[in-house]
Amino acid sequence: MSTLRQMAYWLAVVEEGSFTRAAERMHVSQPSLSQQVRSLEAELGGELLERLPRSVRLTPAGKAFLPHARMSVRSAERAMRAARSALQEQTGELEISTVRSIAAGLLPDLIHRWRKQRPMTTIRLHEMTHRALSEEFVRDGLADIGIGPPPLEWSGLMERLGWEEFVVVLPADDRLARRESIPLSTLAQRLWVMFDPQNGLTDMLIAACSSAETPFVPRPAVMTSQVETAARLAAAGVGPALVPINTVPAGLSGSVLRLEPPIGRELTVYTRTKWPALAEAFVELMQKTDWPDPPEDAIIIA
């Protein structure tokens, strides 16, 4: 039986029209490639190529052999790709770019479920302070996928996940603590627990306050870079903090209030060109997650 390698060499000669160019394409010496083609012809019992001074030409037998050889080689290549893809899904590394609040709030449960399904894979998280940095990381090919608000001016693939609600944290003894929800403008005169200027949650707070029924500009009592720290500072009475609901630490001593109207952001997963095999499987896992939809009266911050 002729080997797939011999057929691949022969196809390269046919497609390149030259033994020399075919050898360069297949990264073998010309004598070695010529010998493999001769062995194939010997096994079949006749010449498949007519050797011309500067090119080659198919013989009648070569013309009959060509479509079947091409189908066999291409099928073998597809089989190899499928096997490598399956192996990569089981043992590969997935690089995810996102912002710190999403890494802390949404991803732990997702990654735990992923690890139960694919314990031999590794996830590398790139936690950014701002969504623009996360998008740039994916755009530059430094991460497989990004998770966050819809990226701006994106030409790659993107899938909507759902929405992420933001809440206000106050100390348990605050005069507003017993209420289930409050208008954001109720806190206009307070000094806030805010985030560093380069942190994307700063933009979120400022945009939310400007969208309040009575717009205002929040003033800082203290600034931090960590969303969990912000929630704990707010619970301690330093000032209110606006944080994603899924980042509120378990057992927090403070009071967590929803807003009237609700405020939040859309969440998406995106990639530069097409989903890598491992990333596609992670996207499928996220799509099976029960993501909430925003209420009809919600304010969605872009």
Protein backbone atom coordinates (compact mmCIF):
# COMPACT_ATOMS: atom_id res chain seq x y z
CA MET A 1 0.00 0.00 0.00
CA SER A 2 1.24 3.47 -0.84
CA THR A 3 1.67 5.75 2.14
CA LEU A 4 -0.02 9.08 2.73
CA ARG A 5 3.41 10.68 2.84
CA GLN A 6 4.21 9.42 -0.68
CA MET A 7 0.88 10.73 -1.96
CA ALA A 8 1.49 14.09 -0.25
CA TYR A 9 4.91 14.35 -1.92
CA TRP A 10 3.42 13.43 -5.29
CA LEU A 11 0.61 15.99 -4.88
CA ALA A 12 3.19 18.67 -4.03
CA VAL A 13 5.02 17.92 -7.31
CA VAL A 14 1.76 18.13 -9.25
CA GLU A 15 0.66 21.36 -7.59
CA GLU A 16 4.08 23.03 -7.79
CA GLY A 17 4.85 21.69 -11.27
CA SER A 18 8.43 21.00 -10.19
CA PHE A 19 10.34 18.50 -8.06
CA THR A 20 12.59 21.30 -6.81
CA ARG A 21 9.76 23.55 -5.61
CA ALA A 22 7.88 20.58 -4.18
CA ALA A 23 10.94 19.57 -2.14
CA GLU A 24 11.22 23.12 -0.77
CA ARG A 25 7.53 23.15 0.13
CA MET A 26 7.73 19.78 1.90
CA HIS A 27 11.05 20.62 3.60
CA VAL A 28 12.88 17.55 2.26
CA SER A 29 15.76 17.06 -0.12
CA GLN A 30 14.93 16.68 -3.78
CA PRO A 31 16.53 13.22 -4.11
CA SER A 32 14.50 11.97 -1.14
CA LEU A 33 11.26 13.34 -2.58
CA SER A 34 12.03 11.90 -6.02
CA GLN A 35 12.69 8.50 -4.48
CA GLN A 36 9.35 8.55 -2.64
CA VAL A 37 7.50 9.41 -5.85
CA ARG A 38 9.34 6.64 -7.71
CA SER A 39 8.39 4.17 -4.96
CA LEU A 40 4.75 5.19 -5.28
CA GLU A 41 4.82 4.67 -9.05
CA ALA A 42 6.56 1.32 -8.66
CA GLU A 43 3.88 0.17 -6.25
CA LEU A 44 1.14 1.21 -8.68
CA GLY A 45 2.93 -0.38 -11.63
CA GLY A 46 3.42 2.63 -13.90
CA GLU A 47 4.34 6.29 -14.19
CA LEU A 48 2.02 8.94 -12.85
CA LEU A 49 4.12 11.86 -14.08
CA GLU A 50 5.82 12.64 -17.34
CA ARG A 51 9.16 14.32 -16.54
CA LEU A 52 9.74 17.30 -18.83
CA PRO A 53 12.92 19.46 -18.95
CA ARG A 54 11.46 22.27 -16.80
CA SER A 55 8.17 20.86 -15.53
CA VAL A 56 6.06 17.76 -15.13
CA ARG A 57 2.85 16.59 -16.75
CA LEU A 58 0.26 14.10 -15.59
CA THR A 59 0.04 10.80 -17.43
CA PRO A 60 -3.41 9.25 -17.99
CA ALA A 61 -2.83 7.14 -14.88
CA GLY A 62 -1.84 10.28 -12.96
CA LYS A 63 -5.03 12.05 -14.03
CA ALA A 64 -7.08 9.10 -12.77
CA PHE A 65 -5.11 8.97 -9.52
CA LEU A 66 -5.18 12.72 -8.77
CA PRO A 67 -8.70 13.26 -7.31
CA HIS A 68 -8.49 10.20 -5.08
CA ALA A 69 -5.00 11.05 -3.85
CA ARG A 70 -6.05 14.62 -3.13
CA MET A 71 -9.13 13.44 -1.22
CA SER A 72 -7.08 10.96 0.83
CA VAL A 73 -4.41 13.50 1.79
CA ARG A 74 -6.93 16.23 2.62
CA SER A 75 -9.00 13.81 4.70
CA ALA A 76 -5.92 12.78 6.62
CA GLU A 77 -5.06 16.44 7.26
CA ARG A 78 -8.58 17.10 8.56
CA ALA A 79 -8.34 14.05 10.81
CA MET A 80 -5.05 15.32 12.24
CA ARG A 81 -6.50 18.76 12.87
CA ALA A 82 -9.56 17.28 14.57
CA ALA A 83 -7.40 15.12 16.82
CA ARG A 84 -5.10 18.01 17.74
CA SER A 85 -8.11 20.19 18.48
CA ALA A 86 -9.65 17.53 20.73
CA LEU A 87 -6.35 17.02 22.54
CA GLN A 88 -5.94 20.77 22.97
CA GLU A 89 -9.41 20.98 24.51
CA GLN A 90 -8.34 18.44 27.11
CA THR A 91 -4.83 19.63 27.92
CA GLY A 92 -4.36 23.13 26.50
CA GLU A 93 -4.17 26.59 28.04
CA LEU A 94 -6.89 29.22 27.68
CA GLU A 95 -5.93 32.88 28.13
CA ILE A 96 -8.73 35.21 29.24
CA SER A 97 -8.48 38.98 29.38
CA THR A 98 -10.96 40.81 31.61
CA VAL A 99 -11.27 43.54 34.22
CA ARG A 100 -10.57 42.93 37.89
CA SER A 101 -14.18 43.19 39.07
CA ILE A 102 -15.34 40.53 36.60
CA ALA A 103 -12.39 38.29 37.47
CA ALA A 104 -13.34 38.54 41.13
CA GLY A 105 -17.12 38.39 40.75
CA LEU A 106 -18.25 36.36 37.75
CA LEU A 107 -15.37 34.12 36.78
CA PRO A 108 -14.68 32.00 39.90
CA ASP A 109 -17.87 29.94 39.51
CA LEU A 110 -17.41 29.62 35.74
CA ILE A 111 -13.80 28.51 36.10
CA HIS A 112 -14.76 26.01 38.81
CA ARG A 113 -17.34 24.44 36.50
CA TRP A 114 -14.84 24.45 33.63
CA ARG A 115 -12.20 22.72 35.73
CA LYS A 116 -14.65 19.97 36.68
CA GLN A 117 -15.22 19.28 32.99
CA ARG A 118 -11.60 19.69 31.82
CA PRO A 119 -9.26 19.15 34.77
CA MET A 120 -6.16 18.89 32.55
CA THR A 121 -6.54 22.38 31.09
CA THR A 122 -5.05 25.59 32.45
CA ILE A 123 -6.63 29.04 32.50
CA ARG A 124 -4.43 32.12 32.56
CA LEU A 125 -6.27 35.26 33.67
CA HIS A 126 -5.11 38.70 32.57
CA GLU A 127 -6.82 41.07 35.01
CA MET A 128 -6.89 44.66 33.78
CA THR A 129 -7.80 47.87 35.55
CA HIS A 130 -9.77 49.19 32.58
CA ARG A 131 -11.89 47.63 29.85
CA ALA A 132 -9.85 49.40 27.15
CA LEU A 133 -6.72 47.56 28.29
CA SER A 134 -8.57 44.24 28.25
CA GLU A 135 -9.82 44.87 24.71
CA GLU A 136 -6.36 45.88 23.55
CA PHE A 137 -4.89 42.67 24.97
CA VAL A 138 -7.25 40.57 22.85
CA ARG A 139 -6.85 42.80 19.80
CA ASP A 140 -3.06 42.34 19.98
CA GLY A 141 -3.41 38.55 20.16
CA LEU A 142 -2.11 38.31 23.73
CA ALA A 143 -5.27 36.59 24.99
CA ASP A 144 -7.67 34.12 23.38
CA ILE A 145 -10.86 35.84 24.53
CA GLY A 146 -12.03 38.91 26.41
CA ILE A 147 -14.95 39.10 28.83
CA GLY A 148 -16.54 42.44 29.64
CA PRO A 149 -18.76 45.21 28.26
CA PRO A 150 -19.22 45.25 24.47
CA PRO A 151 -15.85 46.35 23.07
CA LEU A 152 -15.76 49.57 21.12
CA GLU A 153 -15.25 49.45 17.33
CA TRP A 154 -14.83 45.68 17.33
CA SER A 155 -14.43 43.79 14.05
CA GLY A 156 -13.97 40.32 15.53
CA LEU A 157 -16.50 37.85 16.93
CA MET A 158 -18.64 38.81 19.91
CA GLU A 159 -21.39 37.04 21.85
CA ARG A 160 -23.77 38.69 24.31
CA LEU A 161 -23.96 37.06 27.75
CA GLY A 162 -26.34 39.14 29.85
CA TRP A 163 -26.23 42.09 32.19
CA GLU A 164 -24.41 42.83 35.44
CA GLU A 165 -26.27 44.84 38.06
CA PHE A 166 -24.53 47.39 40.29
CA VAL A 167 -25.58 48.03 43.87
CA VAL A 168 -24.74 50.49 46.64
CA VAL A 169 -23.09 49.35 49.86
CA LEU A 170 -23.77 51.29 53.08
CA PRO A 171 -23.05 50.56 56.76
CA ALA A 172 -25.69 48.51 58.57
CA ASP A 173 -26.59 51.42 60.84
CA ASP A 174 -27.06 53.96 58.02
CA ARG A 175 -30.44 55.73 58.04
CA LEU A 176 -31.11 54.29 54.55
CA ALA A 177 -29.98 50.76 55.37
CA ARG A 178 -33.45 49.29 55.92
CA ARG A 179 -34.68 50.29 52.49
CA GLU A 180 -34.57 47.73 49.68
CA SER A 181 -33.71 50.27 47.00
CA ILE A 182 -32.92 53.97 46.66
CA PRO A 183 -32.50 56.55 43.90
CA LEU A 184 -28.80 57.15 43.34
CA SER A 185 -29.30 60.91 43.74
CA THR A 186 -30.22 60.28 47.40
CA LEU A 187 -26.48 59.94 47.98
CA ALA A 188 -25.43 63.05 46.06
CA GLN A 189 -24.18 64.88 49.17
CA ARG A 190 -22.15 61.94 50.50
CA LEU A 191 -18.41 61.47 50.19
CA TRP A 192 -17.85 58.23 48.29
CA VAL A 193 -15.53 55.26 48.37
CA MET A 194 -14.14 55.61 44.88
CA PHE A 195 -11.60 53.85 42.67
CA ASP A 196 -8.28 54.99 41.29
CA PRO A 197 -8.68 57.23 38.23
CA GLN A 198 -7.25 54.55 35.91
CA ASN A 199 -9.76 51.96 37.16
CA GLY A 200 -12.72 51.45 34.84
CA LEU A 201 -15.15 51.39 37.78
CA THR A 202 -14.42 55.09 38.25
CA ASP A 203 -15.89 55.73 34.78
CA MET A 204 -18.86 53.54 35.73
CA LEU A 205 -19.59 55.52 38.92
CA ILE A 206 -19.26 58.90 37.21
CA ALA A 207 -21.52 57.80 34.34
CA ALA A 208 -24.09 56.39 36.76
CA CYS A 209 -24.17 59.60 38.82
CA SER A 210 -24.56 61.71 35.68
CA SER A 211 -27.52 59.49 34.68
CA ALA A 212 -29.28 59.94 38.04
CA GLU A 213 -32.65 61.72 38.19
CA THR A 214 -30.78 64.65 39.69
CA PRO A 215 -27.29 64.37 38.17
CA PHE A 216 -24.30 64.96 40.38
CA VAL A 217 -20.52 64.49 40.48
CA PRO A 218 -19.34 62.07 43.20
CA ARG A 219 -16.64 63.29 45.59
CA PRO A 220 -14.14 60.89 47.14
CA ALA A 221 -13.66 60.12 50.81
CA VAL A 222 -11.09 57.45 49.99
CA MET A 223 -9.81 55.80 46.80
CA THR A 224 -8.89 52.15 46.30
CA SER A 225 -8.00 49.84 43.44
CA GLN A 226 -9.85 46.74 44.73
CA VAL A 227 -13.60 46.22 44.46
CA GLU A 228 -13.81 44.01 47.57
CA THR A 229 -11.90 46.62 49.58
CA ALA A 230 -14.36 49.27 48.39
CA ALA A 231 -17.32 47.19 49.64
CA ARG A 232 -15.69 46.63 53.04
CA LEU A 233 -14.79 50.32 53.41
CA ALA A 234 -18.38 51.25 52.60
CA ALA A 235 -19.74 48.71 55.10
CA ALA A 236 -17.44 50.24 57.72
CA GLY A 237 -19.04 53.65 57.19
CA VAL A 238 -16.34 55.43 55.21
CA GLY A 239 -18.80 56.30 52.43
CA PRO A 240 -21.12 54.62 49.94
CA ALA A 241 -19.61 52.42 47.22
CA LEU A 242 -21.08 51.41 43.86
CA VAL A 243 -20.01 47.84 43.04
CA PRO A 244 -21.17 44.91 40.88
CA ILE A 245 -23.64 42.83 42.89
CA ASN A 246 -21.62 39.66 42.34
CA THR A 247 -18.51 41.15 43.95
CA VAL A 248 -20.11 41.85 47.34
CA PRO A 249 -18.15 39.68 49.81
CA ALA A 250 -20.07 36.92 51.54
CA GLY A 251 -20.93 37.79 55.11
CA LEU A 252 -20.42 41.51 54.60
CA SER A 253 -21.58 43.39 57.71
CA GLY A 254 -22.99 46.31 55.74
CA SER A 255 -26.24 46.85 53.87
CA VAL A 256 -26.58 46.21 50.13
CA LEU A 257 -29.19 48.33 48.36
CA ARG A 258 -30.48 48.13 44.81
CA LEU A 259 -30.98 51.31 42.85
CA GLU A 260 -34.10 53.03 41.46
CA PRO A 261 -33.94 52.65 38.51
CA PRO A 262 -31.51 49.71 38.31
CA ILE A 263 -28.05 50.50 36.95
CA GLY A 264 -25.66 48.06 35.29
CA ARG A 265 -23.70 47.09 32.20
CA GLU A 266 -23.99 44.57 29.39
CA LEU A 267 -21.51 41.71 29.38
CA THR A 268 -20.06 40.02 26.31
CA VAL A 269 -17.34 37.57 25.34
CA TYR A 270 -15.26 38.42 22.31
CA THR A 271 -12.23 37.32 20.29
CA ARG A 272 -10.04 38.78 17.58
CA THR A 273 -10.88 36.65 14.51
CA LYS A 274 -12.37 33.23 15.26
CA TRP A 275 -12.83 31.23 18.46
CA PRO A 276 -9.86 28.96 19.21
CA ALA A 277 -10.99 25.40 19.98
CA LEU A 278 -10.57 25.71 23.73
CA ALA A 279 -12.13 29.18 23.79
CA GLU A 280 -15.15 27.97 21.83
CA ALA A 281 -15.78 25.32 24.47
CA PHE A 282 -15.55 27.95 27.23
CA VAL A 283 -17.98 30.19 25.34
CA GLU A 284 -20.44 27.27 25.13
CA LEU A 285 -20.17 26.86 28.90
CA MET A 286 -20.92 30.56 29.41
CA GLN A 287 -23.89 30.41 27.05
CA LYS A 288 -25.40 27.64 29.19
CA THR A 289 -25.18 29.90 32.24
CA ASP A 290 -28.41 31.57 33.41
CA TRP A 291 -27.48 35.20 32.79
CA PRO A 292 -30.02 37.82 33.94
CA ASP A 293 -31.59 40.30 31.54
CA PRO A 294 -31.87 43.97 32.52
CA PRO A 295 -35.25 45.21 33.82
CA GLU A 296 -37.19 47.35 31.37
CA ASP A 297 -36.42 50.55 33.29
CA ALA A 298 -32.72 49.78 33.77
CA ILE A 299 -30.01 52.28 32.94
CA ILE A 300 -27.29 50.48 31.01
CA ILE A 301 -23.89 52.16 31.15
CA ALA A 302 -21.85 51.59 28.00
